[in-house]
N, C-alpha and C. Protein backbone atom coordinates (compact mmCIF):
# COMPACT_ATOMS: atom_id res chain seq x y z
N MET A 1 100.42 103.70 108.55
CA MET A 1 100.73 103.55 107.14
C MET A 1 101.98 104.35 106.80
N ASP A 2 102.94 103.71 106.14
CA ASP A 2 104.23 104.34 105.90
C ASP A 2 104.13 105.36 104.78
N MET A 3 104.40 106.63 105.11
CA MET A 3 104.42 107.68 104.11
C MET A 3 105.66 108.53 104.29
N THR A 4 106.78 107.90 104.62
CA THR A 4 108.00 108.63 104.96
C THR A 4 108.76 109.13 103.76
N TYR A 5 108.28 108.83 102.55
CA TYR A 5 109.01 109.20 101.35
C TYR A 5 108.86 110.68 100.99
N ASN A 6 108.04 111.43 101.70
CA ASN A 6 107.84 112.83 101.33
C ASN A 6 108.08 113.75 102.52
N LYS A 7 109.15 113.49 103.27
CA LYS A 7 109.44 114.31 104.43
C LYS A 7 109.86 115.72 104.03
N LYS A 8 110.57 115.83 102.92
CA LYS A 8 111.09 117.12 102.51
C LYS A 8 110.72 117.37 101.05
N GLY A 9 110.89 118.63 100.64
CA GLY A 9 110.67 118.96 99.24
C GLY A 9 109.25 119.38 98.96
N SER A 10 108.94 119.43 97.67
CA SER A 10 107.63 119.91 97.23
C SER A 10 106.54 118.92 97.61
N PRO A 11 105.35 119.42 97.90
CA PRO A 11 104.24 118.51 98.16
C PRO A 11 103.87 117.75 96.89
N THR A 12 103.32 116.58 97.08
CA THR A 12 102.78 115.81 95.96
C THR A 12 101.31 116.15 95.83
N VAL A 13 100.91 116.56 94.64
CA VAL A 13 99.52 116.97 94.38
C VAL A 13 98.88 115.93 93.47
N ILE A 14 97.75 115.41 93.91
CA ILE A 14 97.03 114.40 93.12
C ILE A 14 95.58 114.83 92.95
N CYS A 15 95.15 114.90 91.70
CA CYS A 15 93.74 115.11 91.40
C CYS A 15 93.17 113.78 90.91
N ILE A 16 92.26 113.22 91.70
CA ILE A 16 91.61 111.97 91.30
C ILE A 16 90.29 112.31 90.62
N ILE A 17 90.12 111.77 89.43
CA ILE A 17 88.92 112.01 88.64
C ILE A 17 88.11 110.73 88.56
N ARG A 18 86.81 110.84 88.76
CA ARG A 18 85.97 109.69 88.42
C ARG A 18 85.79 109.70 86.91
N HIS A 19 85.93 108.54 86.29
CA HIS A 19 85.82 108.42 84.84
C HIS A 19 84.52 109.02 84.32
N GLY A 20 84.48 109.26 83.01
CA GLY A 20 83.27 109.76 82.37
C GLY A 20 82.16 108.72 82.36
N GLU A 21 80.99 109.15 81.94
CA GLU A 21 79.80 108.31 81.99
C GLU A 21 79.88 107.13 81.02
N THR A 22 79.27 106.00 81.44
CA THR A 22 79.07 104.83 80.59
C THR A 22 77.56 104.60 80.44
N ASP A 23 77.20 103.70 79.55
CA ASP A 23 75.77 103.38 79.42
C ASP A 23 75.21 102.78 80.71
N TRP A 24 76.03 102.00 81.41
CA TRP A 24 75.57 101.45 82.69
C TRP A 24 75.31 102.57 83.69
N ASN A 25 76.18 103.59 83.73
CA ASN A 25 75.96 104.73 84.61
C ASN A 25 74.63 105.42 84.28
N SER A 26 74.38 105.63 83.00
CA SER A 26 73.17 106.36 82.60
C SER A 26 71.91 105.59 82.96
N LEU A 27 72.01 104.26 82.99
CA LEU A 27 70.85 103.42 83.34
C LEU A 27 70.71 103.22 84.84
N GLY A 28 71.77 103.55 85.60
CA GLY A 28 71.73 103.36 87.04
C GLY A 28 72.17 101.98 87.49
N LYS A 29 72.81 101.21 86.59
CA LYS A 29 73.28 99.88 86.95
C LYS A 29 74.56 99.97 87.79
N LEU A 30 74.66 99.10 88.77
CA LEU A 30 75.86 99.06 89.60
C LEU A 30 77.02 98.49 88.78
N GLN A 31 78.12 99.21 88.76
CA GLN A 31 79.22 98.92 87.86
C GLN A 31 80.51 98.74 88.65
N GLY A 32 81.05 97.55 88.63
CA GLY A 32 82.26 97.27 89.38
C GLY A 32 83.43 96.99 88.48
N THR A 33 83.91 95.75 88.49
CA THR A 33 85.09 95.40 87.70
C THR A 33 84.74 95.05 86.26
N GLU A 34 83.47 95.11 85.87
CA GLU A 34 83.09 94.91 84.47
C GLU A 34 83.76 95.98 83.61
N ASP A 35 84.22 95.57 82.45
CA ASP A 35 85.01 96.49 81.62
C ASP A 35 84.11 97.21 80.62
N ILE A 36 83.35 98.16 81.10
CA ILE A 36 82.39 98.91 80.29
C ILE A 36 83.06 100.16 79.71
N GLU A 37 82.81 100.44 78.44
CA GLU A 37 83.41 101.60 77.78
C GLU A 37 82.62 102.87 78.07
N LEU A 38 83.26 104.01 77.83
CA LEU A 38 82.57 105.29 77.91
C LEU A 38 81.49 105.38 76.84
N ASN A 39 80.44 106.15 77.12
CA ASN A 39 79.51 106.53 76.06
C ASN A 39 79.89 107.91 75.54
N ASP A 40 79.11 108.46 74.63
CA ASP A 40 79.48 109.75 74.01
C ASP A 40 79.53 110.87 75.04
N LEU A 41 78.58 110.88 75.98
CA LEU A 41 78.61 111.91 77.02
C LEU A 41 79.86 111.75 77.88
N GLY A 42 80.25 110.51 78.18
CA GLY A 42 81.46 110.28 78.96
C GLY A 42 82.69 110.83 78.28
N ARG A 43 82.76 110.69 76.97
CA ARG A 43 83.91 111.24 76.23
C ARG A 43 83.89 112.77 76.27
N GLU A 44 82.70 113.35 76.16
CA GLU A 44 82.59 114.81 76.27
C GLU A 44 83.02 115.29 77.66
N GLN A 45 82.65 114.54 78.69
CA GLN A 45 83.07 114.89 80.06
C GLN A 45 84.58 114.84 80.19
N ALA A 46 85.22 113.86 79.57
CA ALA A 46 86.68 113.75 79.62
C ALA A 46 87.35 114.94 78.94
N VAL A 47 86.80 115.35 77.81
CA VAL A 47 87.35 116.52 77.10
C VAL A 47 87.18 117.78 77.96
N ALA A 48 86.01 117.96 78.56
CA ALA A 48 85.77 119.12 79.41
C ALA A 48 86.74 119.15 80.59
N THR A 49 86.97 117.98 81.18
CA THR A 49 87.90 117.89 82.30
C THR A 49 89.31 118.26 81.88
N SER A 50 89.72 117.81 80.71
CA SER A 50 91.08 118.11 80.23
C SER A 50 91.26 119.61 80.05
N ARG A 51 90.22 120.31 79.66
CA ARG A 51 90.32 121.77 79.47
C ARG A 51 90.52 122.48 80.81
N TYR A 52 89.96 121.93 81.87
CA TYR A 52 90.18 122.53 83.18
C TYR A 52 91.64 122.45 83.58
N PHE A 53 92.30 121.34 83.27
CA PHE A 53 93.67 121.14 83.69
C PHE A 53 94.70 121.90 82.85
N GLU A 54 94.29 122.42 81.70
CA GLU A 54 95.27 123.04 80.82
C GLU A 54 95.77 124.39 81.33
N THR A 55 95.14 124.94 82.35
CA THR A 55 95.59 126.23 82.89
C THR A 55 96.77 126.08 83.84
N GLU A 56 97.14 124.84 84.19
CA GLU A 56 98.26 124.58 85.09
C GLU A 56 99.16 123.51 84.49
N THR A 57 100.33 123.34 85.07
CA THR A 57 101.25 122.30 84.61
C THR A 57 101.02 121.02 85.39
N TRP A 58 100.86 119.92 84.66
CA TRP A 58 100.70 118.60 85.28
C TRP A 58 101.74 117.66 84.69
N ASP A 59 102.30 116.82 85.53
CA ASP A 59 103.45 116.00 85.12
C ASP A 59 103.09 114.61 84.64
N ILE A 60 102.11 113.98 85.28
CA ILE A 60 101.87 112.55 85.11
C ILE A 60 100.36 112.30 85.02
N VAL A 61 99.98 111.32 84.19
CA VAL A 61 98.60 110.82 84.19
C VAL A 61 98.64 109.33 84.53
N VAL A 62 97.82 108.93 85.50
CA VAL A 62 97.75 107.55 85.97
C VAL A 62 96.30 107.08 85.85
N SER A 63 96.12 105.81 85.55
CA SER A 63 94.76 105.29 85.39
C SER A 63 94.59 103.90 85.98
N SER A 64 93.36 103.61 86.35
CA SER A 64 92.91 102.23 86.56
C SER A 64 93.04 101.49 85.23
N PRO A 65 93.16 100.17 85.27
CA PRO A 65 93.25 99.41 84.03
C PRO A 65 91.93 99.24 83.29
N LEU A 66 90.80 99.57 83.90
CA LEU A 66 89.51 99.36 83.27
C LEU A 66 89.27 100.39 82.16
N LYS A 67 88.58 99.97 81.09
CA LYS A 67 88.47 100.76 79.86
C LYS A 67 87.91 102.16 80.10
N ARG A 68 86.88 102.27 80.92
CA ARG A 68 86.22 103.56 81.10
C ARG A 68 87.15 104.57 81.75
N ALA A 69 88.01 104.11 82.64
CA ALA A 69 89.00 105.00 83.26
C ALA A 69 90.15 105.29 82.30
N TYR A 70 90.63 104.24 81.64
CA TYR A 70 91.79 104.41 80.77
C TYR A 70 91.48 105.33 79.59
N GLU A 71 90.29 105.20 79.01
CA GLU A 71 89.93 106.08 77.90
C GLU A 71 89.81 107.53 78.37
N THR A 72 89.22 107.73 79.54
CA THR A 72 89.16 109.08 80.12
C THR A 72 90.57 109.63 80.29
N ALA A 73 91.47 108.82 80.83
CA ALA A 73 92.85 109.24 81.05
C ALA A 73 93.56 109.54 79.74
N GLN A 74 93.33 108.73 78.71
CA GLN A 74 93.96 108.96 77.42
C GLN A 74 93.53 110.28 76.81
N ILE A 75 92.25 110.59 76.91
CA ILE A 75 91.74 111.85 76.37
C ILE A 75 92.41 113.03 77.06
N ILE A 76 92.51 112.95 78.39
CA ILE A 76 93.13 114.03 79.16
C ILE A 76 94.62 114.14 78.83
N ALA A 77 95.32 113.02 78.81
CA ALA A 77 96.76 113.03 78.52
C ALA A 77 97.04 113.60 77.13
N THR A 78 96.24 113.20 76.15
CA THR A 78 96.43 113.70 74.79
C THR A 78 96.23 115.21 74.74
N HIS A 79 95.20 115.68 75.40
CA HIS A 79 94.90 117.13 75.40
C HIS A 79 96.02 117.92 76.07
N LEU A 80 96.65 117.34 77.09
CA LEU A 80 97.70 118.03 77.84
C LEU A 80 99.10 117.73 77.30
N SER A 81 99.17 116.95 76.20
CA SER A 81 100.46 116.57 75.59
C SER A 81 101.35 115.81 76.57
N ILE A 82 100.74 114.99 77.40
CA ILE A 82 101.48 114.09 78.28
C ILE A 82 101.61 112.76 77.55
N PRO A 83 102.82 112.27 77.32
CA PRO A 83 103.04 111.20 76.34
C PRO A 83 102.50 109.83 76.68
N MET A 84 102.29 109.52 77.95
CA MET A 84 101.81 108.18 78.27
C MET A 84 100.92 108.19 79.50
N VAL A 85 100.13 107.13 79.62
CA VAL A 85 99.27 106.92 80.79
C VAL A 85 99.81 105.72 81.55
N HIS A 86 100.11 105.91 82.83
CA HIS A 86 100.61 104.84 83.68
C HIS A 86 99.42 104.07 84.28
N ILE A 87 99.51 102.75 84.29
CA ILE A 87 98.45 101.91 84.83
C ILE A 87 98.82 101.44 86.23
N VAL A 88 97.88 101.57 87.16
CA VAL A 88 98.07 101.06 88.53
C VAL A 88 96.89 100.15 88.85
N GLU A 89 97.17 98.87 89.00
CA GLU A 89 96.12 97.87 89.20
C GLU A 89 95.31 98.11 90.47
N GLU A 90 95.98 98.62 91.50
CA GLU A 90 95.32 98.74 92.81
C GLU A 90 94.17 99.75 92.82
N ILE A 91 94.09 100.61 91.81
CA ILE A 91 93.04 101.63 91.84
C ILE A 91 91.85 101.30 90.93
N LYS A 92 91.72 100.02 90.54
CA LYS A 92 90.52 99.64 89.79
C LYS A 92 89.33 99.60 90.75
N GLU A 93 88.14 99.54 90.16
CA GLU A 93 86.93 99.65 90.96
C GLU A 93 86.70 98.43 91.85
N ARG A 94 85.88 98.63 92.85
CA ARG A 94 85.45 97.57 93.75
C ARG A 94 84.67 96.51 92.98
N SER A 95 84.83 95.25 93.35
CA SER A 95 83.98 94.20 92.83
C SER A 95 82.70 94.15 93.66
N TYR A 96 81.56 94.22 92.97
CA TYR A 96 80.28 94.21 93.67
C TYR A 96 79.61 92.83 93.65
N GLY A 97 80.35 91.82 93.23
CA GLY A 97 79.84 90.46 93.30
C GLY A 97 78.51 90.28 92.60
N SER A 98 77.57 89.64 93.28
CA SER A 98 76.27 89.30 92.69
C SER A 98 75.40 90.52 92.42
N ALA A 99 75.78 91.68 92.94
CA ALA A 99 74.98 92.89 92.72
C ALA A 99 75.37 93.63 91.45
N SER A 100 76.48 93.24 90.83
CA SER A 100 76.94 93.94 89.63
C SER A 100 75.89 93.86 88.52
N GLY A 101 75.68 94.99 87.88
CA GLY A 101 74.73 95.06 86.78
C GLY A 101 73.29 95.26 87.18
N LEU A 102 73.02 95.29 88.49
CA LEU A 102 71.63 95.44 88.95
C LEU A 102 71.27 96.90 89.16
N LEU A 103 69.99 97.21 88.96
CA LEU A 103 69.45 98.52 89.29
C LEU A 103 69.24 98.61 90.80
N PRO A 104 69.12 99.84 91.35
CA PRO A 104 68.96 99.97 92.81
C PRO A 104 67.81 99.15 93.39
N GLU A 105 66.64 99.20 92.72
CA GLU A 105 65.49 98.47 93.25
C GLU A 105 65.72 96.96 93.19
N GLU A 106 66.46 96.51 92.18
CA GLU A 106 66.78 95.08 92.09
C GLU A 106 67.72 94.66 93.22
N ARG A 107 68.70 95.50 93.51
CA ARG A 107 69.63 95.18 94.61
C ARG A 107 68.90 95.11 95.94
N HIS A 108 68.02 96.09 96.19
CA HIS A 108 67.30 96.11 97.46
C HIS A 108 66.36 94.91 97.58
N SER A 109 65.79 94.49 96.46
CA SER A 109 64.88 93.35 96.47
C SER A 109 65.63 92.04 96.71
N ARG A 110 66.77 91.87 96.05
CA ARG A 110 67.50 90.60 96.14
C ARG A 110 68.34 90.51 97.42
N PHE A 111 68.82 91.65 97.89
CA PHE A 111 69.71 91.65 99.05
C PHE A 111 69.21 92.66 100.09
N PRO A 112 68.02 92.42 100.67
CA PRO A 112 67.42 93.40 101.59
C PRO A 112 68.26 93.69 102.83
N GLU A 113 69.10 92.76 103.22
CA GLU A 113 69.94 92.97 104.40
C GLU A 113 71.33 93.52 104.04
N GLY A 114 71.54 93.74 102.76
CA GLY A 114 72.80 94.33 102.33
C GLY A 114 73.97 93.37 102.27
N ILE A 115 73.72 92.08 102.44
CA ILE A 115 74.79 91.08 102.35
C ILE A 115 74.83 90.55 100.92
N ILE A 116 75.90 90.89 100.20
CA ILE A 116 75.99 90.59 98.77
C ILE A 116 77.10 89.56 98.53
N PRO A 117 76.75 88.38 98.04
CA PRO A 117 77.77 87.36 97.78
C PRO A 117 78.83 87.85 96.79
N GLY A 118 80.09 87.64 97.14
CA GLY A 118 81.18 87.98 96.24
C GLY A 118 81.62 89.43 96.24
N GLN A 119 80.96 90.27 97.00
CA GLN A 119 81.34 91.69 97.02
C GLN A 119 82.61 91.90 97.85
N GLU A 120 83.52 92.71 97.33
CA GLU A 120 84.73 93.05 98.07
C GLU A 120 84.38 93.82 99.33
N GLU A 121 84.90 93.38 100.44
CA GLU A 121 84.62 94.06 101.71
C GLU A 121 85.17 95.48 101.68
N PHE A 122 84.43 96.40 102.31
CA PHE A 122 84.84 97.80 102.27
C PHE A 122 86.22 98.01 102.86
N GLU A 123 86.53 97.33 103.94
CA GLU A 123 87.84 97.52 104.57
C GLU A 123 88.96 97.05 103.65
N HIS A 124 88.73 95.97 102.93
CA HIS A 124 89.74 95.50 101.96
C HIS A 124 89.89 96.52 100.84
N LEU A 125 88.76 97.03 100.34
CA LEU A 125 88.79 98.07 99.31
C LEU A 125 89.58 99.28 99.79
N ARG A 126 89.29 99.72 101.01
CA ARG A 126 89.95 100.91 101.55
C ARG A 126 91.46 100.71 101.65
N GLN A 127 91.88 99.56 102.14
CA GLN A 127 93.31 99.30 102.26
C GLN A 127 93.97 99.21 100.89
N ARG A 128 93.32 98.55 99.95
CA ARG A 128 93.86 98.43 98.60
C ARG A 128 93.99 99.81 97.95
N ALA A 129 92.97 100.63 98.13
CA ALA A 129 92.97 101.97 97.53
C ALA A 129 94.12 102.82 98.09
N MET A 130 94.33 102.76 99.41
CA MET A 130 95.40 103.55 100.00
C MET A 130 96.78 103.03 99.61
N ILE A 131 96.90 101.71 99.43
CA ILE A 131 98.16 101.17 98.91
C ILE A 131 98.43 101.73 97.52
N GLY A 132 97.40 101.76 96.67
CA GLY A 132 97.56 102.32 95.34
C GLY A 132 97.90 103.79 95.36
N LEU A 133 97.20 104.55 96.20
CA LEU A 133 97.46 105.99 96.28
C LEU A 133 98.88 106.26 96.75
N ASN A 134 99.31 105.57 97.79
CA ASN A 134 100.67 105.77 98.32
C ASN A 134 101.74 105.29 97.34
N LYS A 135 101.42 104.26 96.58
CA LYS A 135 102.34 103.79 95.53
C LYS A 135 102.54 104.87 94.48
N ILE A 136 101.46 105.50 94.05
CA ILE A 136 101.55 106.58 93.07
C ILE A 136 102.37 107.74 93.63
N ALA A 137 102.10 108.12 94.88
CA ALA A 137 102.81 109.23 95.50
C ALA A 137 104.30 108.92 95.65
N ALA A 138 104.63 107.67 95.95
CA ALA A 138 106.03 107.27 96.10
C ALA A 138 106.76 107.26 94.77
N ASP A 139 106.09 106.73 93.74
CA ASP A 139 106.71 106.63 92.42
C ASP A 139 106.92 108.00 91.78
N PHE A 140 106.04 108.95 92.10
CA PHE A 140 106.10 110.27 91.48
C PHE A 140 106.15 111.36 92.55
N ASN A 141 107.05 111.15 93.50
CA ASN A 141 107.19 112.05 94.65
C ASN A 141 107.42 113.49 94.21
N GLY A 142 106.63 114.41 94.77
CA GLY A 142 106.80 115.83 94.48
C GLY A 142 106.21 116.28 93.16
N LYS A 143 105.55 115.38 92.44
CA LYS A 143 104.97 115.71 91.13
C LYS A 143 103.50 116.14 91.27
N ARG A 144 102.98 116.65 90.17
CA ARG A 144 101.56 116.99 90.06
C ARG A 144 100.92 115.94 89.16
N ILE A 145 100.00 115.17 89.73
CA ILE A 145 99.55 113.93 89.12
C ILE A 145 98.04 113.95 88.93
N ILE A 146 97.60 113.55 87.74
CA ILE A 146 96.19 113.34 87.46
C ILE A 146 95.93 111.84 87.49
N VAL A 147 94.99 111.42 88.30
CA VAL A 147 94.65 110.00 88.45
C VAL A 147 93.20 109.81 88.03
N VAL A 148 92.95 108.83 87.17
CA VAL A 148 91.58 108.53 86.77
C VAL A 148 91.19 107.17 87.35
N SER A 149 90.12 107.19 88.16
CA SER A 149 89.70 105.96 88.82
C SER A 149 88.17 105.90 88.83
N HIS A 150 87.60 105.42 89.91
CA HIS A 150 86.18 105.05 89.95
C HIS A 150 85.52 105.59 91.22
N GLY A 151 84.18 105.60 91.21
CA GLY A 151 83.44 106.17 92.32
C GLY A 151 83.67 105.47 93.64
N GLY A 152 83.51 104.15 93.67
CA GLY A 152 83.68 103.41 94.92
C GLY A 152 85.09 103.48 95.45
N LEU A 153 86.06 103.31 94.56
CA LEU A 153 87.47 103.35 94.95
C LEU A 153 87.84 104.71 95.49
N THR A 154 87.46 105.76 94.78
CA THR A 154 87.80 107.13 95.21
C THR A 154 87.11 107.48 96.52
N ASN A 155 85.87 107.03 96.67
CA ASN A 155 85.15 107.28 97.92
C ASN A 155 85.85 106.64 99.11
N SER A 156 86.45 105.47 98.90
CA SER A 156 87.15 104.82 100.01
C SER A 156 88.40 105.60 100.40
N ILE A 157 89.06 106.23 99.42
CA ILE A 157 90.22 107.08 99.71
C ILE A 157 89.79 108.32 100.50
N LEU A 158 88.72 108.96 100.05
CA LEU A 158 88.22 110.14 100.75
C LEU A 158 87.83 109.79 102.19
N TYR A 159 87.21 108.63 102.36
CA TYR A 159 86.81 108.17 103.69
C TYR A 159 88.05 108.00 104.58
N SER A 160 89.10 107.39 104.04
CA SER A 160 90.31 107.14 104.82
C SER A 160 90.99 108.44 105.23
N ILE A 161 91.14 109.35 104.27
CA ILE A 161 91.87 110.59 104.55
C ILE A 161 91.10 111.50 105.49
N SER A 162 89.76 111.51 105.36
CA SER A 162 88.94 112.41 106.19
C SER A 162 88.56 111.80 107.52
N GLY A 163 89.01 110.58 107.79
CA GLY A 163 88.63 109.91 109.03
C GLY A 163 87.15 109.61 109.10
N GLY A 164 86.55 109.34 107.93
CA GLY A 164 85.14 108.99 107.87
C GLY A 164 84.20 110.18 107.80
N GLU A 165 84.74 111.40 107.71
CA GLU A 165 83.88 112.59 107.65
C GLU A 165 83.07 112.63 106.36
N PHE A 166 83.70 112.23 105.27
CA PHE A 166 83.00 112.15 103.99
C PHE A 166 83.60 111.00 103.19
N GLY A 167 83.02 110.74 102.01
CA GLY A 167 83.41 109.56 101.26
C GLY A 167 82.66 108.34 101.78
N GLY A 168 83.16 107.16 101.49
CA GLY A 168 82.50 105.94 101.94
C GLY A 168 81.10 105.85 101.36
N PHE A 169 80.13 105.65 102.23
CA PHE A 169 78.75 105.50 101.78
C PHE A 169 77.98 106.82 101.87
N LYS A 170 78.68 107.91 102.21
CA LYS A 170 78.00 109.19 102.43
C LYS A 170 77.99 110.08 101.19
N THR A 171 78.88 109.83 100.25
CA THR A 171 79.10 110.75 99.14
C THR A 171 78.91 110.02 97.82
N ARG A 172 78.03 110.54 96.97
CA ARG A 172 77.89 109.98 95.62
C ARG A 172 78.70 110.84 94.66
N LEU A 173 79.78 110.29 94.17
CA LEU A 173 80.66 111.04 93.28
C LEU A 173 80.08 111.08 91.87
N LYS A 174 80.12 112.26 91.27
CA LYS A 174 79.57 112.45 89.93
C LYS A 174 80.59 112.01 88.88
N ASN A 175 80.09 111.54 87.74
CA ASN A 175 80.99 111.20 86.64
C ASN A 175 81.77 112.44 86.22
N GLY A 176 83.09 112.28 86.08
CA GLY A 176 83.94 113.40 85.68
C GLY A 176 84.31 114.34 86.81
N CYS A 177 83.89 114.04 88.04
CA CYS A 177 84.22 114.95 89.14
C CYS A 177 85.70 114.88 89.49
N ILE A 178 86.19 115.96 90.11
CA ILE A 178 87.60 116.09 90.48
C ILE A 178 87.70 116.15 92.00
N ASN A 179 88.69 115.44 92.53
CA ASN A 179 88.96 115.42 93.97
C ASN A 179 90.44 115.71 94.14
N LYS A 180 90.78 116.82 94.79
CA LYS A 180 92.17 117.26 94.87
C LYS A 180 92.77 116.91 96.23
N LEU A 181 93.85 116.14 96.20
CA LEU A 181 94.54 115.70 97.41
C LEU A 181 95.97 116.23 97.40
N ILE A 182 96.48 116.54 98.59
CA ILE A 182 97.86 117.01 98.73
C ILE A 182 98.55 116.21 99.82
N LEU A 183 99.74 115.70 99.50
CA LEU A 183 100.56 115.01 100.48
C LEU A 183 101.74 115.91 100.83
N HIS A 184 101.79 116.34 102.09
CA HIS A 184 102.86 117.23 102.55
C HIS A 184 103.21 116.88 103.99
N ASP A 185 104.50 116.78 104.27
CA ASP A 185 104.96 116.42 105.62
C ASP A 185 104.27 115.15 106.12
N ASN A 186 104.21 114.15 105.23
CA ASN A 186 103.66 112.83 105.57
C ASN A 186 102.17 112.82 105.87
N THR A 187 101.47 113.88 105.50
CA THR A 187 100.04 113.96 105.80
C THR A 187 99.25 114.22 104.54
N TRP A 188 98.22 113.40 104.33
CA TRP A 188 97.30 113.63 103.22
C TRP A 188 96.23 114.64 103.63
N MET A 189 95.93 115.56 102.73
CA MET A 189 94.87 116.54 102.95
C MET A 189 93.96 116.57 101.72
N VAL A 190 92.68 116.82 101.94
CA VAL A 190 91.73 116.97 100.83
C VAL A 190 91.46 118.46 100.65
N GLU A 191 91.86 118.99 99.50
CA GLU A 191 91.61 120.41 99.23
C GLU A 191 90.16 120.63 98.81
N PHE A 192 89.65 119.76 97.94
CA PHE A 192 88.22 119.76 97.62
C PHE A 192 87.87 118.40 97.05
N TYR A 193 86.57 118.10 97.01
CA TYR A 193 86.16 116.80 96.48
C TYR A 193 84.81 116.90 95.80
N ASN A 194 84.58 115.99 94.86
CA ASN A 194 83.31 115.85 94.14
C ASN A 194 82.89 117.13 93.42
N LYS A 195 83.85 117.81 92.81
CA LYS A 195 83.57 119.04 92.08
C LYS A 195 83.66 118.79 90.58
N THR A 196 82.61 119.17 89.86
CA THR A 196 82.66 119.10 88.40
C THR A 196 83.45 120.29 87.86
N VAL A 197 83.82 120.21 86.60
CA VAL A 197 84.52 121.32 85.97
C VAL A 197 83.67 122.59 86.01
N GLU A 198 82.37 122.43 85.80
CA GLU A 198 81.47 123.59 85.83
C GLU A 198 81.47 124.25 87.21
N GLU A 199 81.43 123.45 88.24
CA GLU A 199 81.43 123.98 89.61
C GLU A 199 82.75 124.67 89.93
N LEU A 200 83.85 124.08 89.51
CA LEU A 200 85.15 124.68 89.78
C LEU A 200 85.34 125.98 89.00
N THR A 201 84.87 126.00 87.77
CA THR A 201 84.95 127.22 86.96
C THR A 201 84.15 128.34 87.59
N GLN A 202 82.98 128.01 88.11
CA GLN A 202 82.14 129.00 88.78
C GLN A 202 82.84 129.56 90.02
N ILE A 203 83.48 128.70 90.79
CA ILE A 203 84.22 129.14 91.97
C ILE A 203 85.35 130.08 91.59
N ILE A 204 86.08 129.71 90.53
CA ILE A 204 87.20 130.55 90.07
C ILE A 204 86.71 131.91 89.63
N ASN A 205 85.60 131.93 88.89
CA ASN A 205 85.05 133.20 88.41
C ASN A 205 84.57 134.08 89.56
N GLN A 206 83.99 133.45 90.58
CA GLN A 206 83.55 134.20 91.75
C GLN A 206 84.74 134.82 92.50
N GLN A 207 85.84 134.08 92.56
CA GLN A 207 87.04 134.58 93.23
C GLN A 207 87.66 135.76 92.48
N LYS A 208 87.48 135.77 91.15
CA LYS A 208 88.02 136.87 90.33
C LYS A 208 87.18 138.13 90.40
N SER A 209 85.89 137.96 90.76
CA SER A 209 84.98 139.11 90.79
C SER A 209 85.36 140.06 91.91
N PRO A 210 85.25 141.39 91.68
CA PRO A 210 85.61 142.35 92.75
C PRO A 210 84.62 142.31 93.90
């Protein structure tokens, strides 16, 4: 995969956030490309996330085109006085085909062998996600970027960068969680993943303690 655009200069830092909670999330329904809005808790999660980022300088906010991600991104951008949210189509959520909108027990009952009509293949998702990630890094080379996306999409990125160590089907990302990636000398690294603001604040406070 071509990542020759960052051979020199400052590393590109990207924090990928899973959007805040929706009503489908709270019910446990599988949520793909359906354009579901945030619920009140999801908006509170977005505000809490924005407060975490205010202690540092961030240059750019990027979002999936889906409402739940874009609203999360707008809340964060407004709080940080970043004037606009850039949309990248490639980082929208995976299509789950006939399983979309189903509860876990319904999915297992209807598709016991895990073959779901119309679902985007994981390898296609992974390639699409990395194209989107590299596009963002190329467009905003050397910047500090906040990206708001989705659980399945972000998990595929983590899987790719870690060589399958985590992400993929192994990690359930929490709503509002932060995943910090760094691109330096043509290599992506994961600094941390699946951390809520509360968890990160606790880590920071522990580091400050004598």
